[in-house]
Each structure stands twice: as structure tokens, then as C-alpha cells.
PDB file of N, CA and C in Angstrom:
ATOM      1  N   UNK A   1      -1.362  40.591   4.329  1.00  0.00           N
ATOM      2  CA  UNK A   1      -1.212  42.145   4.776  1.00  0.00           C
ATOM      3  C   UNK A   1      -2.277  42.929   4.970  1.00  0.00           C
ATOM      4  N   UNK A   2      -3.418  42.527   4.332  1.00  0.00           N
ATOM      5  CA  UNK A   2      -4.658  43.564   4.297  1.00  0.00           C
ATOM      6  C   UNK A   2      -5.433  42.681   5.886  1.00  0.00           C
ATOM      7  N   UNK A   3      -5.486  41.843   6.681  1.00  0.00           N
ATOM      8  CA  UNK A   3      -5.708  41.689   7.927  1.00  0.00           C
ATOM      9  C   UNK A   3      -4.858  42.563   8.834  1.00  0.00           C
ATOM     10  N   UNK A   4      -3.543  42.887   8.775  1.00  0.00           N
ATOM     11  CA  UNK A   4      -2.942  43.477   9.519  1.00  0.00           C
ATOM     12  C   UNK A   4      -3.373  45.059   9.340  1.00  0.00           C
ATOM     13  N   UNK A   5      -3.300  45.387   8.007  1.00  0.00           N
ATOM     14  CA  UNK A   5      -3.550  46.932   8.205  1.00  0.00           C
ATOM     15  C   UNK A   5      -4.850  46.964   8.245  1.00  0.00           C
ATOM     16  N   UNK A   6      -6.028  46.190   8.425  1.00  0.00           N
ATOM     17  CA  UNK A   6      -7.369  46.368   8.698  1.00  0.00           C
ATOM     18  C   UNK A   6      -6.932  46.687  10.428  1.00  0.00           C
ATOM     19  N   UNK A   7      -6.442  45.662  10.544  1.00  0.00           N
ATOM     20  CA  UNK A   7      -6.086  45.398  12.677  1.00  0.00           C
ATOM     21  C   UNK A   7      -5.472  46.734  13.077  1.00  0.00           C
ATOM     22  N   UNK A   8      -5.025  47.290  11.676  1.00  0.00           N
ATOM     23  CA  UNK A   8      -3.692  48.758  12.145  1.00  0.00           C
ATOM     24  C   UNK A   8      -4.530  49.792  12.472  1.00  0.00           C
ATOM     25  N   UNK A   9      -5.952  49.607  11.613  1.00  0.00           N
ATOM     26  CA  UNK A   9      -7.115  50.961  11.952  1.00  0.00           C
ATOM     27  C   UNK A   9      -7.760  50.640  12.429  1.00  0.00           C
ATOM     28  N   UNK A  10      -8.492  49.405  12.996  1.00  0.00           N
ATOM     29  CA  UNK A  10      -9.106  49.318  13.820  1.00  0.00           C
ATOM     30  C   UNK A  10      -8.510  50.187  15.563  1.00  0.00           C
ATOM     31  N   UNK A  11      -6.994  49.420  15.514  1.00  0.00           N
ATOM     32  CA  UNK A  11      -6.671  50.011  16.657  1.00  0.00           C
ATOM     33  C   UNK A  11      -5.971  51.179  16.829  1.00  0.00           C
ATOM     34  N   UNK A  12      -6.001  51.579  15.747  1.00  0.00           N
ATOM     35  CA  UNK A  12      -5.671  53.286  15.959  1.00  0.00           C
ATOM     36  C   UNK A  12      -7.099  53.966  16.377  1.00  0.00           C
ATOM     37  N   UNK A  13      -8.455  53.448  15.935  1.00  0.00           N
ATOM     38  CA  UNK A  13      -9.783  53.690  16.030  1.00  0.00           C
ATOM     39  C   UNK A  13      -9.913  54.028  17.782  1.00  0.00           C
ATOM     40  N   UNK A  14      -9.676  52.402  18.071  1.00  0.00           N
ATOM     41  CA  UNK A  14     -10.053  52.155  19.175  1.00  0.00           C
ATOM     42  C   UNK A  14      -8.881  53.265  20.200  1.00  0.00           C
ATOM     43  N   UNK A  15      -7.904  52.933  20.267  1.00  0.00           N
ATOM     44  CA  UNK A  15      -6.759  54.251  20.713  1.00  0.00           C
ATOM     45  C   UNK A  15      -6.853  55.255  20.973  1.00  0.00           C
ATOM     46  N   UNK A  16      -7.451  56.145  19.447  1.00  0.00           N
ATOM     47  CA  UNK A  16      -8.036  57.172  19.583  1.00  0.00           C
ATOM     48  C   UNK A  16      -9.102  57.417  20.517  1.00  0.00           C
ATOM     49  N   UNK A  17     -10.198  56.416  20.968  1.00  0.00           N
ATOM     50  CA  UNK A  17     -11.324  56.488  21.297  1.00  0.00           C
ATOM     51  C   UNK A  17     -11.291  56.713  23.037  1.00  0.00           C
ATOM     52  N   UNK A  18     -10.310  55.647  23.278  1.00  0.00           N
ATOM     53  CA  UNK A  18      -9.990  55.700  24.532  1.00  0.00           C
ATOM     54  C   UNK A  18      -9.095  56.879  24.935  1.00  0.00           C
ATOM     55  N   UNK A  19      -7.997  57.364  24.132  1.00  0.00           N
ATOM     56  CA  UNK A  19      -7.092  58.359  25.317  1.00  0.00           C
ATOM     57  C   UNK A  19      -8.041  60.107  25.061  1.00  0.00           C
ATOM     58  N   UNK A  20      -8.632  59.503  23.680  1.00  0.00           N
ATOM     59  CA  UNK A  20      -9.459  60.768  24.249  1.00  0.00           C
ATOM     60  C   UNK A  20     -10.852  61.208  25.304  1.00  0.00           C
ATOM     61  N   UNK A  21     -11.243  60.024  25.829  1.00  0.00           N
ATOM     62  CA  UNK A  21     -11.817  59.557  27.015  1.00  0.00           C
ATOM     63  C   UNK A  21     -10.570  59.890  28.262  1.00  0.00           C
ATOM     64  N   UNK A  22      -9.755  59.293  28.329  1.00  0.00           N
ATOM     65  CA  UNK A  22      -8.675  59.306  29.160  1.00  0.00           C
ATOM     66  C   UNK A  22      -8.943  60.507  29.495  1.00  0.00           C
ATOM     67  N   UNK A  23      -7.978  61.659  28.817  1.00  0.00           N
ATOM     68  CA  UNK A  23      -7.910  63.567  28.600  1.00  0.00           C
ATOM     69  C   UNK A  23      -8.916  63.854  29.179  1.00  0.00           C
ATOM     70  N   UNK A  24     -10.293  63.366  28.894  1.00  0.00           N
ATOM     71  CA  UNK A  24     -11.880  64.123  29.660  1.00  0.00           C
ATOM     72  C   UNK A  24     -11.651  63.835  30.861  1.00  0.00           C
ATOM     73  N   UNK A  25     -11.799  62.088  31.170  1.00  0.00           N
ATOM     74  CA  UNK A  25     -12.328  61.393  32.446  1.00  0.00           C
ATOM     75  C   UNK A  25     -11.686  61.272  33.382  1.00  0.00           C
ATOM     76  N   UNK A  26     -10.153  61.518  32.933  1.00  0.00           N
ATOM     77  CA  UNK A  26      -8.879  61.082  34.229  1.00  0.00           C
ATOM     78  C   UNK A  26      -7.809  61.570  33.991  1.00  0.00           C
ATOM     79  N   UNK A  27      -7.641  63.096  33.737  1.00  0.00           N
ATOM     80  CA  UNK A  27      -6.702  63.697  33.009  1.00  0.00           C
ATOM     81  C   UNK A  27      -5.159  63.313  34.155  1.00  0.00           C
ATOM     82  N   UNK A  28      -3.815  63.326  33.500  1.00  0.00           N
ATOM     83  CA  UNK A  28      -3.314  63.592  34.135  1.00  0.00           C
ATOM     84  C   UNK A  28      -2.769  64.320  35.504  1.00  0.00           C
ATOM     85  N   UNK A  29      -2.037  64.913  36.297  1.00  0.00           N
ATOM     86  CA  UNK A  29      -1.812  65.476  37.408  1.00  0.00           C
ATOM     87  C   UNK A  29      -1.191  66.806  36.507  1.00  0.00           C
ATOM     88  N   UNK A  30      -1.830  67.698  37.494  1.00  0.00           N
ATOM     89  CA  UNK A  30      -1.183  69.021  36.704  1.00  0.00           C
ATOM     90  C   UNK A  30      -2.657  69.431  35.746  1.00  0.00           C
ATOM     91  N   UNK A  31      -2.940  68.254  35.371  1.00  0.00           N
ATOM     92  CA  UNK A  31      -3.894  68.971  33.663  1.00  0.00           C
ATOM     93  C   UNK A  31      -5.528  68.915  34.072  1.00  0.00           C
ATOM     94  N   UNK A  32      -6.586  70.297  33.366  1.00  0.00           N
ATOM     95  CA  UNK A  32      -7.529  69.990  33.756  1.00  0.00           C
ATOM     96  C   UNK A  32      -8.401  68.979  32.631  1.00  0.00           C
ATOM     97  N   UNK A  33      -9.520  68.632  33.035  1.00  0.00           N
ATOM     98  CA  UNK A  33     -10.096  67.606  31.472  1.00  0.00           C
ATOM     99  C   UNK A  33     -10.577  68.594  30.519  1.00  0.00           C
ATOM    100  N   UNK A  34     -10.380  67.909  29.634  1.00  0.00           N
ATOM    101  CA  UNK A  34     -10.065  69.321  28.167  1.00  0.00           C
ATOM    102  C   UNK A  34     -11.081  68.575  27.147  1.00  0.00           C
ATOM    103  N   UNK A  35     -12.497  69.642  26.610  1.00  0.00           N
ATOM    104  CA  UNK A  35     -13.789  68.642  25.896  1.00  0.00           C
ATOM    105  C   UNK A  35     -12.641  68.587  25.029  1.00  0.00           C
ATOM    106  N   UNK A  36     -12.011  69.463  24.176  1.00  0.00           N
ATOM    107  CA  UNK A  36     -11.734  69.118  22.754  1.00  0.00           C
ATOM    108  C   UNK A  36     -10.756  67.961  22.401  1.00  0.00           C
ATOM    109  N   UNK A  37     -10.354  67.396  23.662  1.00  0.00           N
ATOM    110  CA  UNK A  37     -10.074  66.294  23.694  1.00  0.00           C
ATOM    111  C   UNK A  37     -10.472  64.618  23.759  1.00  0.00           C
ATOM    112  N   UNK A  38     -11.500  64.991  24.324  1.00  0.00           N
ATOM    113  CA  UNK A  38     -12.766  64.732  24.007  1.00  0.00           C
ATOM    114  C   UNK A  38     -13.352  64.187  23.071  1.00  0.00           C
ATOM    115  N   UNK A  39     -13.458  65.372  21.962  1.00  0.00           N
ATOM    116  CA  UNK A  39     -14.293  65.647  21.038  1.00  0.00           C
ATOM    117  C   UNK A  39     -13.335  65.179  19.388  1.00  0.00           C
ATOM    118  N   UNK A  40     -12.451  65.509  20.408  1.00  0.00           N
ATOM    119  CA  UNK A  40     -11.248  65.087  18.747  1.00  0.00           C
ATOM    120  C   UNK A  40     -10.743  63.446  19.064  1.00  0.00           C
ATOM    121  N   UNK A  41     -10.760  63.231  19.971  1.00  0.00           N
ATOM    122  CA  UNK A  41     -10.448  61.797  20.156  1.00  0.00           C
ATOM    123  C   UNK A  41     -11.330  60.967  19.533  1.00  0.00           C
ATOM    124  N   UNK A  42     -12.921  61.121  19.975  1.00  0.00           N
ATOM    125  CA  UNK A  42     -14.115  60.215  19.272  1.00  0.00           C
ATOM    126  C   UNK A  42     -14.302  60.747  18.195  1.00  0.00           C
ATOM    127  N   UNK A  43     -13.766  61.871  17.705  1.00  0.00           N
ATOM    128  CA  UNK A  43     -14.144  61.966  15.899  1.00  0.00           C
ATOM    129  C   UNK A  43     -12.960  61.808  15.369  1.00  0.00           C
ATOM    130  N   UNK A  44     -11.865  61.405  15.154  1.00  0.00           N
ATOM    131  CA  UNK A  44     -10.588  60.895  15.002  1.00  0.00           C
ATOM    132  C   UNK A  44     -10.934  59.345  14.943  1.00  0.00           C
ATOM    133  N   UNK A  45     -11.245  58.787  16.458  1.00  0.00           N
ATOM    134  CA  UNK A  45     -11.175  57.492  15.948  1.00  0.00           C
ATOM    135  C   UNK A  45     -12.288  57.086  15.605  1.00  0.00           C
ATOM    136  N   UNK A  46     -13.871  57.255  15.461  1.00  0.00           N
ATOM    137  CA  UNK A  46     -15.076  57.185  14.991  1.00  0.00           C
ATOM    138  C   UNK A  46     -14.258  57.375  13.151  1.00  0.00           C
ATOM    139  N   UNK A  47     -13.802  58.412  12.624  1.00  0.00           N
ATOM    140  CA  UNK A  47     -13.811  58.227  11.452  1.00  0.00           C
ATOM    141  C   UNK A  47     -12.884  57.175  10.607  1.00  0.00           C
ATOM    142  N   UNK A  48     -12.068  57.099  11.704  1.00  0.00           N
ATOM    143  CA  UNK A  48     -10.435  55.758  11.663  1.00  0.00           C
ATOM    144  C   UNK A  48     -11.601  54.461  11.473  1.00  0.00           C
ATOM    145  N   UNK A  49     -12.093  54.244  12.359  1.00  0.00           N
ATOM    146  CA  UNK A  49     -13.135  52.847  12.413  1.00  0.00           C
ATOM    147  C   UNK A  49     -14.655  53.163  11.384  1.00  0.00           C
ATOM    148  N   UNK A  50     -14.666  54.196  10.870  1.00  0.00           N
ATOM    149  CA  UNK A  50     -15.855  54.764   9.813  1.00  0.00           C
ATOM    150  C   UNK A  50     -15.064  54.110   8.382  1.00  0.00           C
ATOM    151  N   UNK A  51     -13.913  55.059   8.032  1.00  0.00           N
ATOM    152  CA  UNK A  51     -12.788  54.420   6.916  1.00  0.00           C
ATOM    153  C   UNK A  51     -12.751  52.858   6.703  1.00  0.00           C
ATOM    154  N   UNK A  52     -12.549  52.205   7.896  1.00  0.00           N
ATOM    155  CA  UNK A  52     -12.649  50.671   7.629  1.00  0.00           C
ATOM    156  C   UNK A  52     -13.577  50.263   6.495  1.00  0.00           C
ATOM    157  N   UNK A  53     -14.844  50.338   6.961  1.00  0.00           N
ATOM    158  CA  UNK A  53     -16.484  49.855   7.170  1.00  0.00           C
ATOM    159  C   UNK A  53     -16.833  50.865   5.692  1.00  0.00           C
ATOM    160  N   UNK A  54     -16.048  51.722   5.291  1.00  0.00           N
ATOM    161  CA  UNK A  54     -16.263  52.343   4.150  1.00  0.00           C
ATOM    162  C   UNK A  54     -15.342  51.547   2.893  1.00  0.00           C
ATOM    163  N   UNK A  55     -14.071  50.957   3.190  1.00  0.00           N
ATOM    164  CA  UNK A  55     -13.429  49.961   2.558  1.00  0.00           C
ATOM    165  C   UNK A  55     -14.335  48.150   1.998  1.00  0.00           C
ATOM    166  N   UNK A  56     -15.784  48.020   2.491  1.00  0.00           N
ATOM    167  CA  UNK A  56     -16.884  46.662   2.108  1.00  0.00           C
ATOM    168  C   UNK A  56     -16.736  47.626   1.159  1.00  0.00           C
ATOM    169  N   UNK A  57     -17.124  48.634   0.400  1.00  0.00           N
ATOM    170  CA  UNK A  57     -18.021  49.161  -0.460  1.00  0.00           C
ATOM    171  C   UNK A  57     -16.693  50.041  -1.688  1.00  0.00           C
ATOM    172  N   UNK A  58     -15.985  51.047  -1.362  1.00  0.00           N
ATOM    173  CA  UNK A  58     -15.599  51.619  -1.529  1.00  0.00           C
ATOM    174  C   UNK A  58     -13.481  51.416  -1.311  1.00  0.00           C
ATOM    175  N   UNK A  59     -13.137  50.374  -1.383  1.00  0.00           N
ATOM    176  CA  UNK A  59     -11.873  50.363  -1.038  1.00  0.00           C
ATOM    177  C   UNK A  59     -10.127  50.872  -0.981  1.00  0.00           C
ATOM    178  N   UNK A  60     -10.616  51.794  -2.136  1.00  0.00           N
ATOM    179  CA  UNK A  60      -9.762  52.651  -3.274  1.00  0.00           C
ATOM    180  C   UNK A  60     -10.298  53.796  -1.752  1.00  0.00           C
ATOM    181  N   UNK A  61     -11.446  54.324  -1.462  1.00  0.00           N
ATOM    182  CA  UNK A  61     -11.902  55.561  -0.895  1.00  0.00           C
ATOM    183  C   UNK A  61     -11.221  55.546   0.593  1.00  0.00           C
ATOM    184  N   UNK A  62     -11.316  54.096   1.311  1.00  0.00           N
ATOM    185  CA  UNK A  62     -11.619  53.750   2.389  1.00  0.00           C
ATOM    186  C   UNK A  62     -10.080  53.874   2.679  1.00  0.00           C
ATOM    187  N   UNK A  63      -9.059  53.447   2.000  1.00  0.00           N
ATOM    188  CA  UNK A  63      -8.069  53.981   2.268  1.00  0.00           C
ATOM    189  C   UNK A  63      -7.292  54.692   1.829  1.00  0.00           C
ATOM    190  N   UNK A  64      -7.959  55.493   1.328  1.00  0.00           N
ATOM    191  CA  UNK A  64      -7.548  56.950   1.455  1.00  0.00           C
ATOM    192  C   UNK A  64      -7.444  57.805   2.189  1.00  0.00           C
ATOM    193  N   UNK A  65      -8.627  57.501   2.729  1.00  0.00           N
ATOM    194  CA  UNK A  65      -9.090  58.116   4.329  1.00  0.00           C
ATOM    195  C   UNK A  65      -8.122  58.030   5.315  1.00  0.00           C
ATOM    196  N   UNK A  66      -8.091  56.346   5.378  1.00  0.00           N
ATOM    197  CA  UNK A  66      -7.516  56.129   6.365  1.00  0.00           C
ATOM    198  C   UNK A  66      -5.927  56.720   5.671  1.00  0.00           C
ATOM    199  N   UNK A  67      -5.711  57.092   5.225  1.00  0.00           N
ATOM    200  CA  UNK A  67      -4.162  57.868   4.735  1.00  0.00           C
ATOM    201  C   UNK A  67      -4.582  59.290   5.276  1.00  0.00           C
ATOM    202  N   UNK A  68      -5.046  59.816   4.632  1.00  0.00           N
ATOM    203  CA  UNK A  68      -5.587  61.256   5.010  1.00  0.00           C
ATOM    204  C   UNK A  68      -5.279  61.412   6.717  1.00  0.00           C
ATOM    205  N   UNK A  69      -6.460  60.788   7.031  1.00  0.00           N
ATOM    206  CA  UNK A  69      -6.276  60.661   8.489  1.00  0.00           C
ATOM    207  C   UNK A  69      -5.209  60.157   9.626  1.00  0.00           C
ATOM    208  N   UNK A  70      -4.478  59.806   8.617  1.00  0.00           N
ATOM    209  CA  UNK A  70      -2.947  59.105   9.249  1.00  0.00           C
ATOM    210  C   UNK A  70      -2.370  60.347   9.077  1.00  0.00           C
ATOM    211  N   UNK A  71      -1.930  61.120   8.530  1.00  0.00           N
ATOM    212  CA  UNK A  71      -1.238  62.514   7.724  1.00  0.00           C
ATOM    213  C   UNK A  71      -1.730  63.234   8.557  1.00  0.00           C
ATOM    214  N   UNK A  72      -3.437  63.357   8.794  1.00  0.00           N
ATOM    215  CA  UNK A  72      -3.517  64.827   9.412  1.00  0.00           C
ATOM    216  C   UNK A  72      -3.341  64.920  11.144  1.00  0.00           C
ATOM    217  N   UNK A  73      -3.019  63.287  11.975  1.00  0.00           N
ATOM    218  CA  UNK A  73      -3.069  62.660  13.208  1.00  0.00           C
ATOM    219  C   UNK A  73      -1.587  63.164  13.221  1.00  0.00           C
ATOM    220  N   UNK A  74      -0.719  62.611  12.453  1.00  0.00           N
ATOM    221  CA  UNK A  74       0.598  62.833  12.154  1.00  0.00           C
ATOM    222  C   UNK A  74       1.419  64.680  12.377  1.00  0.00           C
ATOM    223  N   UNK A  75       0.527  64.622  11.644  1.00  0.00           N
ATOM    224  CA  UNK A  75       0.306  66.882  11.538  1.00  0.00           C
ATOM    225  C   UNK A  75       0.303  67.242  12.841  1.00  0.00           C
ATOM    226  N   UNK A  76      -0.534  66.616  14.148  1.00  0.00           N
ATOM    227  CA  UNK A  76      -0.754  67.224  15.014  1.00  0.00           C
ATOM    228  C   UNK A  76      -0.118  66.848  15.822  1.00  0.00           C
ATOM    229  N   UNK A  77       0.346  65.798  15.751  1.00  0.00           N
ATOM    230  CA  UNK A  77       0.851  65.013  17.290  1.00  0.00           C
ATOM    231  C   UNK A  77       2.005  65.320  17.215  1.00  0.00           C
ATOM    232  N   UNK A  78       2.940  65.212  15.719  1.00  0.00           N
ATOM    233  CA  UNK A  78       4.399  65.070  15.727  1.00  0.00           C
ATOM    234  C   UNK A  78       5.315  66.391  16.728  1.00  0.00           C
ATOM    235  N   UNK A  79       4.327  67.868  16.234  1.00  0.00           N
ATOM    236  CA  UNK A  79       5.377  68.679  16.210  1.00  0.00           C
ATOM    237  C   UNK A  79       5.007  69.057  18.347  1.00  0.00           C
ATOM    238  N   UNK A  80       4.161  68.065  18.927  1.00  0.00           N
ATOM    239  CA  UNK A  80       3.807  68.261  20.698  1.00  0.00           C
ATOM    240  C   UNK A  80       4.675  67.409  20.826  1.00  0.00           C
ATOM    241  N   UNK A  81       5.100  66.473  20.215  1.00  0.00           N
ATOM    242  CA  UNK A  81       5.734  64.840  20.644  1.00  0.00           C
ATOM    243  C   UNK A  81       7.357  65.753  20.975  1.00  0.00           C
ATOM    244  N   UNK A  82       7.600  66.065  20.167  1.00  0.00           N
ATOM    245  CA  UNK A  82       8.824  66.882  19.801  1.00  0.00           C
ATOM    246  C   UNK A  82       9.355  67.982  21.054  1.00  0.00           C
ATOM    247  N   UNK A  83       7.757  68.565  20.743  1.00  0.00           N
ATOM    248  CA  UNK A  83       7.948  69.555  22.167  1.00  0.00           C
ATOM    249  C   UNK A  83       8.136  68.917  23.450  1.00  0.00           C
ATOM    250  N   UNK A  84       8.008  67.503  23.813  1.00  0.00           N
ATOM    251  CA  UNK A  84       8.753  67.018  25.073  1.00  0.00           C
ATOM    252  C   UNK A  84       7.465  66.016  25.690  1.00  0.00           C
ATOM    253  N   UNK A  85       5.977  66.287  25.124  1.00  0.00           N
ATOM    254  CA  UNK A  85       5.179  65.758  25.729  1.00  0.00           C
ATOM    255  C   UNK A  85       5.246  64.486  25.137  1.00  0.00           C
ATOM    256  N   UNK A  86       5.879  63.381  25.519  1.00  0.00           N
ATOM    257  CA  UNK A  86       5.638  61.920  24.830  1.00  0.00           C
ATOM    258  C   UNK A  86       4.322  61.297  25.078  1.00  0.00           C
ATOM    259  N   UNK A  87       3.783  61.763  26.126  1.00  0.00           N
ATOM    260  CA  UNK A  87       1.757  61.212  26.570  1.00  0.00           C
ATOM    261  C   UNK A  87       1.182  61.804  26.767  1.00  0.00           C
ATOM    262  N   UNK A  88       0.733  61.878  25.669  1.00  0.00           N
ATOM    263  CA  UNK A  88      -0.578  60.982  24.499  1.00  0.00           C
ATOM    264  C   UNK A  88       0.595  61.552  22.849  1.00  0.00           C
ATOM    265  N   UNK A  89       0.653  62.643  22.974  1.00  0.00           N
ATOM    266  CA  UNK A  89       1.924  63.204  21.866  1.00  0.00           C
ATOM    267  C   UNK A  89       2.020  62.195  21.332  1.00  0.00           C
ATOM    268  N   UNK A  90       3.433  61.600  21.374  1.00  0.00           N
ATOM    269  CA  UNK A  90       4.713  60.739  21.118  1.00  0.00           C
ATOM    270  C   UNK A  90       3.342  59.480  20.790  1.00  0.00           C
ATOM    271  N   UNK A  91       2.894  59.158  21.687  1.00  0.00           N
ATOM    272  CA  UNK A  91       2.468  57.683  21.553  1.00  0.00           C
ATOM    273  C   UNK A  91       1.348  57.583  19.796  1.00  0.00           C
ATOM    274  N   UNK A  92       0.176  58.584  19.714  1.00  0.00           N
ATOM    275  CA  UNK A  92      -0.111  59.359  18.901  1.00  0.00           C
ATOM    276  C   UNK A  92       0.727  58.919  17.484  1.00  0.00           C
ATOM    277  N   UNK A  93       1.535  60.234  17.257  1.00  0.00           N
ATOM    278  CA  UNK A  93       2.283  60.531  16.783  1.00  0.00           C
ATOM    279  C   UNK A  93       3.011  58.815  16.084  1.00  0.00           C
ATOM    280  N   UNK A  94       3.681  58.015  16.856  1.00  0.00           N
ATOM    281  CA  UNK A  94       4.499  57.033  16.412  1.00  0.00           C
ATOM    282  C   UNK A  94       2.800  56.127  15.961  1.00  0.00           C
ATOM    283  N   UNK A  95       2.062  56.041  16.666  1.00  0.00           N
ATOM    284  CA  UNK A  95       1.321  55.078  16.102  1.00  0.00           C
ATOM    285  C   UNK A  95       0.394  55.814  14.601  1.00  0.00           C
ATOM    286  N   UNK A  96       0.987  57.092  14.159  1.00  0.00           N
ATOM    287  CA  UNK A  96       0.031  57.145  13.162  1.00  0.00           C
ATOM    288  C   UNK A  96       1.183  56.916  11.918  1.00  0.00           C
ATOM    289  N   UNK A  97       2.565  57.410  12.621  1.00  0.00           N
ATOM    290  CA  UNK A  97       3.432  56.741  11.605  1.00  0.00           C
ATOM    291  C   UNK A  97       3.351  55.194  10.667  1.00  0.00           C
ATOM    292  N   UNK A  98       3.354  54.310  11.640  1.00  0.00           N
ATOM    293  CA  UNK A  98       3.368  53.105  11.867  1.00  0.00           C
ATOM    294  C   UNK A  98       1.615  52.929  10.802  1.00  0.00           C
ATOM    295  N   UNK A  99       0.760  53.533  11.196  1.00  0.00           N
ATOM    296  CA  UNK A  99      -0.326  53.432   9.910  1.00  0.00           C
ATOM    297  C   UNK A  99      -0.182  54.022   9.305  1.00  0.00           C
ATOM    298  N   UNK A 100       1.160  54.911   8.864  1.00  0.00           N
ATOM    299  CA  UNK A 100       0.713  55.836   7.749  1.00  0.00           C
ATOM    300  C   UNK A 100       1.862  54.506   6.535  1.00  0.00           C
ATOM    301  N   UNK A 101       3.166  54.028   7.534  1.00  0.00           N
ATOM    302  CA  UNK A 101       3.746  52.477   6.523  1.00  0.00           C
ATOM    303  C   UNK A 101       3.248  51.806   5.955  1.00  0.00           C
ATOM    304  N   UNK A 102       2.076  51.301   7.463  1.00  0.00           N
ATOM    305  CA  UNK A 102       1.892  49.872   6.875  1.00  0.00           C
ATOM    306  C   UNK A 102       0.422  50.459   5.263  1.00  0.00           C
ATOM    307  N   UNK A 103      -0.201  51.145   5.276  1.00  0.00           N
ATOM    308  CA  UNK A 103      -1.026  51.548   4.600  1.00  0.00           C
ATOM    309  C   UNK A 103      -0.331  51.236   3.449  1.00  0.00           C
ATOM    310  N   UNK A 104       1.214  52.615   3.042  1.00  0.00           N
ATOM    311  CA  UNK A 104       1.596  52.944   2.041  1.00  0.00           C
ATOM    312  C   UNK A 104       2.645  51.356   1.519  1.00  0.00           C
ATOM    313  N   UNK A 105       2.934  50.558   2.142  1.00  0.00           N
ATOM    314  CA  UNK A 105       3.526  49.143   1.975  1.00  0.00           C
ATOM    315  C   UNK A 105       2.322  48.056   1.456  1.00  0.00           C
ATOM    316  N   UNK A 106       0.974  48.146   2.021  1.00  0.00           N
ATOM    317  CA  UNK A 106      -0.536  47.744   1.045  1.00  0.00           C
ATOM    318  C   UNK A 106      -0.256  48.318   0.344  1.00  0.00           C
ATOM    319  N   UNK A 107      -0.448  49.082   0.332  1.00  0.00           N
ATOM    320  CA  UNK A 107      -0.932  49.800  -1.548  1.00  0.00           C
ATOM    321  C   UNK A 107       0.671  49.653  -2.422  1.00  0.00           C
ATOM    322  N   UNK A 108       1.706  49.268  -2.090  1.00  0.00           N
ATOM    323  CA  UNK A 108       2.605  49.034  -3.138  1.00  0.00           C
ATOM    324  C   UNK A 108       2.882  47.654  -2.928  1.00  0.00           C
ATOM    325  N   UNK A 109       2.591  46.522  -2.273  1.00  0.00           N
ATOM    326  CA  UNK A 109       2.419  45.322  -2.418  1.00  0.00           C
ATOM    327  C   UNK A 109       0.815  44.705  -3.328  1.00  0.00           C
ATOM    328  N   UNK A 110      -0.028  45.098  -3.036  1.00  0.00           N
ATOM    329  CA  UNK A 110      -1.065  45.266  -4.603  1.00  0.00           C
ATOM    330  C   UNK A 110      -0.784  45.622  -5.374  1.00  0.00           C
ATOM    331  N   UNK A 111       0.265  46.783  -5.675  1.00  0.00           N
ATOM    332  CA  UNK A 111       0.634  47.532  -7.191  1.00  0.00           C
ATOM    333  C   UNK A 111       1.580  46.254  -7.547  1.00  0.00           C
ATOM    334  N   UNK A 112       2.607  45.642  -6.834  1.00  0.00           N
ATOM    335  CA  UNK A 112       3.223  44.944  -7.257  1.00  0.00           C
ATOM    336  C   UNK A 112       3.017  43.182  -8.011  1.00  0.00           C
ATOM    337  N   UNK A 113       2.103  42.914  -6.780  1.00  0.00           N
ATOM    338  CA  UNK A 113       1.022  41.712  -7.924  1.00  0.00           C
ATOM    339  C   UNK A 113       0.904  41.883  -8.573  1.00  0.00           C
ATOM    340  N   UNK A 114      -0.137  43.024  -8.788  1.00  0.00           N
ATOM    341  CA  UNK A 114      -0.744  43.645 -10.540  1.00  0.00           C
ATOM    342  C   UNK A 114       0.196  43.636 -11.480  1.00  0.00           C
ATOM    343  N   UNK A 115       1.379  43.763 -11.207  1.00  0.00           N
ATOM    344  CA  UNK A 115       2.343  44.141 -12.234  1.00  0.00           C
ATOM    345  C   UNK A 115       2.330  45.427 -12.731  1.00  0.00           C
ATOM    346  N   UNK A 116       1.785  46.501 -11.691  1.00  0.00           N
ATOM    347  CA  UNK A 116       1.909  47.406 -12.514  1.00  0.00           C
ATOM    348  C   UNK A 116       3.460  48.552 -11.667  1.00  0.00           C
TER     349      UNK A 116
END
């Protein structure tokens, strides 16, 4: 389970960075390059990848950081996705939800194995 969660955290970070770069350097038809998408995508992705590396020294802190970033991302992208913009908002909302579910199930599995 840990390998899946690690891959999901790294994958989420990489996808966030790539979508931020795409929004700035290759915007969709009818949209202008937006520097905030570039800054936000690289920032969120960098922090998410940073939370993975925090796991090595402080596993609990790294997982909490990943969860908080996932919740913040879901809170930002879900209302926009419901408003009708499925790409990239729906994609990021879906990935955030999957990440949150994986982190929650990993937490529950760890507690179950401890006997708590």
C-alpha cells in the first residue's frame, strides 16, 4: 500500500507541475497564458513532491502535509469542475479525491496492523 501511495503523491505532484506549465506555455483555444497557473501548478507540485521527501525524516508530518495539500487542491478545483470546466479542473479534482482516499485508506490500514 505504501508504494501505491508514494507513487500517487509523486504522480500528483508531477501532473500538477505539467498542467501548470501547459496552462502557461500552451493554453487552450480562447485562453491567454496565465502566470498564476504556472506559479500555482509548480508550487503545488513542488510542495507535494517535497512532502514525499519529508516522509523519510518525518513520516507523519509528510503524510499530513500531503493530505492538507490534497484537501486544498480539492477545495479549489471541485467548485470549478462542477461549474462546467472539466479540463483541467475536473482532472485535478478527481486526482485530489483519489489521493485523499489513498492517504485515508493507508492510514486506516496502518492503524489496523498496529491493533489500534
